[in-house]
Amino acid sequence: MQRFFVEPGQVDEAAGQILICGDDVNHIRNVLRMREGEELWISAGGEKEYYCSIQSLSPEQIELKIYYISRPDYELPTRLYLFQGIPKGDKMDLIVQKAVELGAYSIIPVEMKRCVVRLDAKKAQKKQQRWQQIAEGGAKQSRRMIVPKVEPVMSFKEALDFAGQMDLCLIPYENAKGMDETRQILSQVKPGMSVGIFIGPEGGLEKEEVQLAMEHGARQITLGHRILRTETAGMAILSVLMFQLEER
């Protein structure tokens, strides 16, 4: 069943009504070709989701009737922030999509020393908009209650400053040793925390970047004996944390 996201102000629980506006109107009417009486799920970015049916369609808005409200608890109890070194080509599209499916709260594209791609301000903004659209599609597909935010492209220093607000910062590094120590560090991730995860681009992180991150409080971990691609490494750690944090 189709899922869409609206702003809280578009929901009127007392009247049992939701209004859909903007780009989703065209998508529902002309792409999905949905009609009156068809049913769908709506999330307003909180703990509730709304099971609705279409009451009327116009070029400007779609009116929905709320049948019932549930609190499904689809979100992880910990906020996971993926700081991803910008990769070549369209790999970031896949990374954003899969990170959203695995429960990431936010994705932050980061310019690191070994990044081949360098984006000027105009290109960075355009890329961010595309990645945000991909995040919304991933959120719809995976029944997320929120659309994870893709932040503007940051420098490594800006990313470290942003991560400094978090309870724990993890930096998987191919030269890290000690799976027992990694397990011990990951066991510290608990519900209610905010956790940053730094993933390097192709070629990985520079030693100086790892050192700087650790000086800012990051904890170095290993993802095993194999060298993972940049598009795999983030998915690996997110999968481990998702499994650890799921409450049912």
Protein backbone atom coordinates (compact mmCIF):
# COMPACT_ATOMS: atom_id res chain seq x y z
CA MET A 1 0.00 0.00 0.00
CA GLN A 2 1.25 3.48 -0.89
CA ARG A 3 2.71 5.73 1.84
CA PHE A 4 3.05 9.52 1.77
CA PHE A 5 4.43 12.16 4.10
CA VAL A 6 2.70 15.41 5.07
CA GLU A 7 3.34 18.29 7.45
CA PRO A 8 1.57 18.14 10.84
CA GLY A 9 -0.54 21.16 9.87
CA GLN A 10 -2.14 19.16 7.05
CA VAL A 11 -3.64 16.71 9.55
CA ASP A 12 -6.94 17.49 11.28
CA GLU A 13 -7.60 14.58 13.63
CA ALA A 14 -10.72 16.22 15.08
CA ALA A 15 -12.31 16.39 11.63
CA GLY A 16 -10.84 13.04 10.59
CA GLN A 17 -9.25 14.66 7.53
CA ILE A 18 -5.86 15.06 5.88
CA LEU A 19 -5.01 17.31 2.93
CA ILE A 20 -2.21 16.44 0.52
CA CYS A 21 -0.65 19.34 -1.37
CA GLY A 22 2.40 19.95 -3.54
CA ASP A 23 4.23 17.49 -5.78
CA ASP A 24 2.50 14.44 -4.30
CA VAL A 25 -0.80 15.59 -5.82
CA ASN A 26 0.51 15.12 -9.35
CA HIS A 27 2.18 11.84 -8.39
CA ILE A 28 -1.03 10.41 -6.93
CA ARG A 29 -3.33 11.66 -9.70
CA ASN A 30 -1.24 11.28 -12.84
CA VAL A 31 1.51 8.77 -12.07
CA LEU A 32 -0.16 6.31 -9.72
CA ARG A 33 -3.60 7.16 -11.17
CA MET A 34 -5.27 6.64 -7.81
CA ARG A 35 -8.97 7.37 -7.55
CA GLU A 36 -11.61 8.15 -4.92
CA GLY A 37 -12.01 5.34 -2.41
CA GLU A 38 -8.47 4.01 -2.74
CA GLU A 39 -6.58 3.57 0.53
CA LEU A 40 -3.13 4.67 1.64
CA TRP A 41 -0.94 5.35 4.67
CA ILE A 42 0.09 8.83 5.79
CA SER A 43 2.86 9.88 8.19
CA ALA A 44 3.29 13.40 9.54
CA GLY A 45 6.79 12.77 10.89
CA GLY A 46 5.76 11.84 14.43
CA GLU A 47 4.85 8.61 16.21
CA LYS A 48 1.48 8.25 14.51
CA GLU A 49 0.51 6.92 11.11
CA TYR A 50 -2.89 7.34 9.51
CA TYR A 51 -4.81 4.78 7.49
CA CYS A 52 -6.89 6.79 5.02
CA SER A 53 -8.98 6.70 1.88
CA ILE A 54 -9.16 9.29 -0.88
CA GLN A 55 -12.32 11.41 -0.67
CA SER A 56 -11.68 13.87 -3.48
CA LEU A 57 -8.97 14.84 -5.96
CA SER A 58 -8.26 18.17 -7.61
CA PRO A 59 -5.20 19.57 -9.40
CA GLU A 60 -4.33 21.55 -6.24
CA GLN A 61 -4.99 19.10 -3.39
CA ILE A 62 -6.27 15.70 -2.38
CA GLU A 63 -8.62 15.24 0.55
CA LEU A 64 -8.30 12.09 2.65
CA LYS A 65 -10.58 10.58 5.27
CA ILE A 66 -8.86 9.09 8.33
CA TYR A 67 -10.14 5.59 9.14
CA TYR A 68 -7.86 4.92 12.10
CA ILE A 69 -4.60 5.99 13.74
CA SER A 70 -1.81 3.68 14.90
CA ARG A 71 1.57 4.00 16.64
CA PRO A 72 3.64 1.32 14.91
CA ASP A 73 7.11 2.16 16.36
CA TYR A 74 9.00 1.59 13.10
CA GLU A 75 11.87 3.93 14.02
CA LEU A 76 15.03 2.84 15.80
CA PRO A 77 15.31 4.10 19.41
CA THR A 78 18.76 5.55 18.61
CA ARG A 79 19.50 8.29 16.09
CA LEU A 80 22.18 7.09 13.66
CA TYR A 81 23.97 9.73 11.57
CA LEU A 82 25.93 8.48 8.55
CA PHE A 83 28.85 10.76 7.61
CA GLN A 84 29.68 9.51 4.13
CA GLY A 85 32.78 10.51 2.17
CA ILE A 86 31.45 11.49 -1.25
CA PRO A 87 32.09 8.64 -3.71
CA LYS A 88 32.45 8.66 -7.48
CA GLY A 89 29.58 8.30 -9.94
CA ASP A 90 26.11 7.55 -8.65
CA LYS A 91 27.20 5.43 -5.67
CA MET A 92 25.86 8.04 -3.26
CA ASP A 93 22.35 7.41 -4.63
CA LEU A 94 22.57 3.78 -3.51
CA ILE A 95 24.16 4.68 -0.18
CA VAL A 96 21.39 7.14 0.68
CA GLN A 97 18.64 4.72 -0.33
CA LYS A 98 20.02 1.80 1.67
CA ALA A 99 20.97 3.89 4.70
CA VAL A 100 17.36 5.09 4.91
CA GLU A 101 16.07 1.50 4.64
CA LEU A 102 18.43 0.44 7.45
CA GLY A 103 17.17 3.12 9.83
CA ALA A 104 19.64 6.00 9.52
CA TYR A 105 18.24 9.21 11.00
CA SER A 106 20.33 11.49 8.79
CA ILE A 107 22.95 11.26 6.03
CA ILE A 108 25.75 13.82 5.82
CA PRO A 109 27.84 13.97 2.59
CA VAL A 110 31.43 14.84 3.51
CA GLU A 111 34.33 16.06 1.40
CA MET A 112 37.40 14.09 2.52
CA LYS A 113 41.00 14.10 1.31
CA ARG A 114 40.65 11.03 -0.89
CA CYS A 115 37.38 12.13 -2.50
CA VAL A 116 37.80 12.24 -6.26
CA VAL A 117 34.59 14.22 -6.72
CA ARG A 118 34.72 17.91 -5.85
CA LEU A 119 31.44 19.81 -5.92
CA ASP A 120 31.05 23.55 -6.23
CA ALA A 121 28.23 25.22 -4.29
CA LYS A 122 25.72 24.98 -7.16
CA LYS A 123 26.42 21.32 -7.88
CA ALA A 124 26.43 20.45 -4.19
CA GLN A 125 22.99 21.98 -3.74
CA LYS A 126 21.63 20.15 -6.77
CA LYS A 127 23.09 16.85 -5.54
CA GLN A 128 21.63 17.40 -2.07
CA GLN A 129 18.17 17.92 -3.55
CA ARG A 130 18.47 14.71 -5.55
CA TRP A 131 19.69 12.75 -2.54
CA GLN A 132 16.81 14.13 -0.45
CA GLN A 133 14.32 12.88 -3.06
CA ILE A 134 15.97 9.46 -2.93
CA ALA A 135 15.71 9.51 0.88
CA GLU A 136 12.00 10.23 0.65
CA GLY A 137 11.49 7.36 -1.78
CA GLY A 138 13.42 5.03 0.51
CA ALA A 139 11.38 6.17 3.50
CA LYS A 140 8.13 5.46 1.68
CA GLN A 141 9.29 2.02 0.57
CA SER A 142 10.57 0.94 4.00
CA ARG A 143 7.62 2.30 6.02
CA ARG A 144 9.65 4.90 7.88
CA MET A 145 7.76 7.34 10.08
CA ILE A 146 10.09 10.16 9.06
CA VAL A 147 12.02 11.17 5.97
CA PRO A 148 15.70 11.21 7.03
CA LYS A 149 17.37 14.49 6.23
CA VAL A 150 20.29 14.64 3.82
CA GLU A 151 22.40 17.52 5.13
CA PRO A 152 24.30 19.96 2.88
CA VAL A 153 27.76 18.81 1.84
CA MET A 154 30.26 19.46 4.66
CA SER A 155 34.02 19.65 4.94
CA PHE A 156 35.67 17.08 7.22
CA LYS A 157 36.17 19.73 9.91
CA GLU A 158 32.54 20.84 9.68
CA ALA A 159 31.45 17.22 9.95
CA LEU A 160 33.56 16.69 13.08
CA ASP A 161 32.07 19.81 14.66
CA PHE A 162 28.57 18.57 13.81
CA ALA A 163 29.36 15.13 15.25
CA GLY A 164 30.70 16.74 18.42
CA GLN A 165 27.09 17.19 19.58
CA MET A 166 26.52 13.42 19.56
CA ASP A 167 26.82 10.89 22.36
CA LEU A 168 29.17 8.60 20.44
CA CYS A 169 31.13 8.81 17.21
CA LEU A 170 32.40 5.69 15.40
CA ILE A 171 35.05 5.58 12.70
CA PRO A 172 35.53 2.20 10.98
CA TYR A 173 39.13 2.01 9.75
CA GLU A 174 40.82 -0.74 7.75
CA ASN A 175 43.96 -0.57 9.92
CA ALA A 176 42.02 -0.95 13.17
CA LYS A 177 42.63 -4.12 15.17
CA GLY A 178 40.66 -5.98 17.80
CA MET A 179 37.17 -7.29 17.15
CA ASP A 180 36.65 -7.75 20.90
CA GLU A 181 37.25 -4.05 21.47
CA THR A 182 34.87 -3.20 18.62
CA ARG A 183 32.16 -5.38 20.17
CA GLN A 184 32.70 -3.64 23.49
CA ILE A 185 32.38 -0.20 21.89
CA LEU A 186 29.25 -1.15 19.95
CA SER A 187 27.67 -2.57 23.12
CA GLN A 188 27.70 0.97 24.49
CA VAL A 189 25.15 2.07 21.86
CA LYS A 190 21.84 2.30 23.74
CA PRO A 191 18.32 3.61 23.08
CA GLY A 192 18.04 7.37 23.31
CA MET A 193 21.60 8.02 22.13
CA SER A 194 22.80 9.85 19.03
CA VAL A 195 25.59 8.08 17.15
CA GLY A 196 27.75 9.35 14.30
CA ILE A 197 29.39 6.94 11.82
CA PHE A 198 32.22 8.16 9.58
CA ILE A 199 32.82 6.27 6.33
CA GLY A 200 35.63 7.17 3.93
CA PRO A 201 35.32 7.42 0.14
CA GLU A 202 37.09 5.13 -2.31
CA GLY A 203 40.59 4.63 -0.96
CA GLY A 204 39.40 5.10 2.60
CA LEU A 205 40.31 7.70 5.18
CA GLU A 206 43.69 9.35 5.47
CA LYS A 207 45.59 8.48 8.64
CA GLU A 208 45.57 12.17 9.57
CA GLU A 209 41.77 12.28 9.27
CA VAL A 210 41.40 9.29 11.56
CA GLN A 211 43.76 10.89 14.07
CA LEU A 212 41.86 14.19 13.94
CA ALA A 213 38.55 12.38 14.43
CA MET A 214 39.92 10.54 17.46
CA GLU A 215 41.17 13.83 18.89
CA HIS A 216 37.54 14.98 18.62
CA GLY A 217 36.38 11.93 20.62
CA ALA A 218 35.67 9.40 17.85
CA ARG A 219 36.16 5.72 18.62
CA GLN A 220 38.05 3.64 16.09
CA ILE A 221 36.48 0.27 15.22
CA THR A 222 37.05 -2.58 12.78
CA LEU A 223 34.54 -4.17 10.42
CA GLY A 224 36.50 -7.40 10.14
CA HIS A 225 39.43 -8.77 8.16
CA ARG A 226 38.07 -7.90 4.74
CA ILE A 227 38.37 -4.53 2.99
CA LEU A 228 34.89 -3.24 2.18
CA ARG A 229 33.91 -0.85 -0.58
CA THR A 230 32.72 2.58 0.52
CA GLU A 231 29.15 1.70 -0.48
CA THR A 232 29.34 -1.49 1.63
CA ALA A 233 31.05 -0.26 4.80
CA GLY A 234 28.27 2.04 5.97
CA MET A 235 25.65 -0.59 5.25
CA ALA A 236 27.62 -3.14 7.28
CA ILE A 237 27.78 -1.06 10.45
CA LEU A 238 24.20 0.19 10.08
CA SER A 239 23.01 -3.41 9.75
CA VAL A 240 24.86 -4.44 12.91
CA LEU A 241 23.43 -1.53 14.87
CA MET A 242 19.92 -2.03 13.51
CA PHE A 243 19.96 -5.66 14.63
CA GLN A 244 21.32 -4.65 18.04
CA LEU A 245 18.79 -1.87 18.59
CA GLU A 246 15.54 -3.39 17.32
CA GLU A 247 13.25 -3.71 20.33
CA ARG A 248 11.03 -6.52 19.10
